[in-house]
């Protein structure tokens, strides 16, 4: 999996404090979903 920047780790541990944090959390979620899909496809092969 991917390692997170210190700012991303703080966001994940501390929660959303504003619109910018919510946007970044959404980006992280999309990245997670893509990585999860790739991992599942590799398991099926």
N, C-alpha and C. Protein backbone atom coordinates (compact mmCIF):
# COMPACT_ATOMS: atom_id res chain seq x y z
N UNK A 1 0.82 -1.19 0.00
CA UNK A 1 0.00 0.00 0.00
C UNK A 1 0.87 1.26 0.00
N UNK A 2 0.22 2.36 0.04
CA UNK A 2 0.87 3.66 -0.07
C UNK A 2 1.14 4.25 1.32
N UNK A 3 2.27 4.92 1.46
CA UNK A 3 2.53 5.62 2.71
C UNK A 3 1.95 7.03 2.61
N UNK A 4 1.53 7.56 3.74
CA UNK A 4 0.88 8.87 3.76
C UNK A 4 1.85 9.94 4.26
N UNK A 5 1.63 11.15 3.79
CA UNK A 5 2.41 12.29 4.26
C UNK A 5 2.02 12.60 5.70
N UNK A 6 2.86 13.32 6.44
CA UNK A 6 2.49 13.68 7.82
C UNK A 6 1.17 14.46 7.90
N UNK A 7 0.93 15.32 6.93
CA UNK A 7 -0.32 16.10 6.92
C UNK A 7 -1.52 15.17 6.72
N UNK A 8 -1.39 14.19 5.84
CA UNK A 8 -2.48 13.25 5.61
C UNK A 8 -2.72 12.37 6.85
N UNK A 9 -1.65 11.95 7.49
CA UNK A 9 -1.78 11.14 8.71
C UNK A 9 -2.50 11.94 9.80
N UNK A 10 -2.14 13.21 9.94
CA UNK A 10 -2.79 14.07 10.93
C UNK A 10 -4.29 14.22 10.62
N UNK A 11 -4.61 14.37 9.34
CA UNK A 11 -6.01 14.48 8.92
C UNK A 11 -6.77 13.21 9.24
N UNK A 12 -6.17 12.05 8.93
CA UNK A 12 -6.83 10.78 9.18
C UNK A 12 -7.02 10.51 10.67
N UNK A 13 -6.07 10.92 11.47
CA UNK A 13 -6.15 10.67 12.91
C UNK A 13 -7.00 11.73 13.63
N UNK A 14 -6.94 12.98 13.17
CA UNK A 14 -7.61 14.07 13.87
C UNK A 14 -8.98 14.43 13.34
N UNK A 15 -9.26 14.06 12.12
CA UNK A 15 -10.56 14.38 11.55
C UNK A 15 -10.55 15.67 10.76
N UNK A 16 -11.67 15.95 10.14
CA UNK A 16 -11.83 17.10 9.26
C UNK A 16 -12.09 18.35 10.09
N UNK A 17 -11.39 19.44 9.74
CA UNK A 17 -11.56 20.71 10.45
C UNK A 17 -12.15 21.80 9.55
N UNK A 18 -12.20 21.55 8.24
CA UNK A 18 -12.73 22.55 7.33
C UNK A 18 -12.93 21.99 5.94
N UNK A 19 -13.27 22.87 5.01
CA UNK A 19 -13.55 22.46 3.63
C UNK A 19 -12.32 21.86 2.97
N UNK A 20 -11.16 22.44 3.19
CA UNK A 20 -9.93 21.93 2.59
C UNK A 20 -9.64 20.51 3.06
N UNK A 21 -9.85 20.25 4.34
CA UNK A 21 -9.63 18.91 4.89
C UNK A 21 -10.64 17.92 4.30
N UNK A 22 -11.87 18.35 4.14
CA UNK A 22 -12.90 17.48 3.57
C UNK A 22 -12.56 17.12 2.14
N UNK A 23 -12.07 18.09 1.38
CA UNK A 23 -11.67 17.84 0.00
C UNK A 23 -10.52 16.84 -0.05
N UNK A 24 -9.51 17.03 0.81
CA UNK A 24 -8.35 16.13 0.83
C UNK A 24 -8.77 14.72 1.24
N UNK A 25 -9.68 14.62 2.19
CA UNK A 25 -10.17 13.32 2.63
C UNK A 25 -10.89 12.61 1.48
N UNK A 26 -11.62 13.36 0.68
CA UNK A 26 -12.27 12.79 -0.49
C UNK A 26 -11.27 12.26 -1.50
N UNK A 27 -10.19 12.99 -1.70
CA UNK A 27 -9.13 12.56 -2.61
C UNK A 27 -8.49 11.26 -2.09
N UNK A 28 -8.22 11.21 -0.80
CA UNK A 28 -7.64 10.00 -0.21
C UNK A 28 -8.58 8.81 -0.36
N UNK A 29 -9.87 9.05 -0.23
CA UNK A 29 -10.84 7.98 -0.38
C UNK A 29 -10.85 7.43 -1.81
N UNK A 30 -10.80 8.31 -2.78
CA UNK A 30 -10.78 7.88 -4.18
C UNK A 30 -9.51 7.07 -4.46
N UNK A 31 -8.36 7.52 -3.94
CA UNK A 31 -7.12 6.77 -4.11
C UNK A 31 -7.23 5.39 -3.47
N UNK A 32 -7.83 5.33 -2.29
CA UNK A 32 -8.02 4.06 -1.60
C UNK A 32 -8.88 3.11 -2.44
N UNK A 33 -9.98 3.62 -2.97
CA UNK A 33 -10.87 2.78 -3.78
C UNK A 33 -10.15 2.24 -5.01
N UNK A 34 -9.33 3.07 -5.66
CA UNK A 34 -8.58 2.61 -6.83
C UNK A 34 -7.59 1.53 -6.46
N UNK A 35 -6.85 1.72 -5.37
CA UNK A 35 -5.88 0.72 -4.94
C UNK A 35 -6.57 -0.58 -4.54
N UNK A 36 -7.72 -0.47 -3.89
CA UNK A 36 -8.49 -1.64 -3.47
C UNK A 36 -8.95 -2.43 -4.69
N UNK A 37 -9.42 -1.74 -5.72
CA UNK A 37 -9.88 -2.39 -6.94
C UNK A 37 -8.74 -3.12 -7.63
N UNK A 38 -7.58 -2.47 -7.71
CA UNK A 38 -6.41 -3.09 -8.34
C UNK A 38 -6.00 -4.34 -7.56
N UNK A 39 -6.00 -4.25 -6.24
CA UNK A 39 -5.61 -5.38 -5.40
C UNK A 39 -6.58 -6.55 -5.59
N UNK A 40 -7.86 -6.28 -5.67
CA UNK A 40 -8.84 -7.34 -5.87
C UNK A 40 -8.68 -7.99 -7.24
N UNK A 41 -8.37 -7.20 -8.26
CA UNK A 41 -8.15 -7.75 -9.60
C UNK A 41 -6.92 -8.66 -9.62
N UNK A 42 -5.89 -8.30 -8.88
CA UNK A 42 -4.68 -9.12 -8.84
C UNK A 42 -4.93 -10.43 -8.11
N UNK A 43 -5.79 -10.42 -7.10
CA UNK A 43 -6.12 -11.65 -6.37
C UNK A 43 -6.91 -12.63 -7.24
N UNK A 44 -7.71 -12.10 -8.14
CA UNK A 44 -8.54 -12.96 -9.00
C UNK A 44 -7.70 -13.64 -10.07
N UNK A 45 -6.58 -13.10 -10.41
CA UNK A 45 -5.76 -13.67 -11.49
C UNK A 45 -4.88 -14.76 -11.02
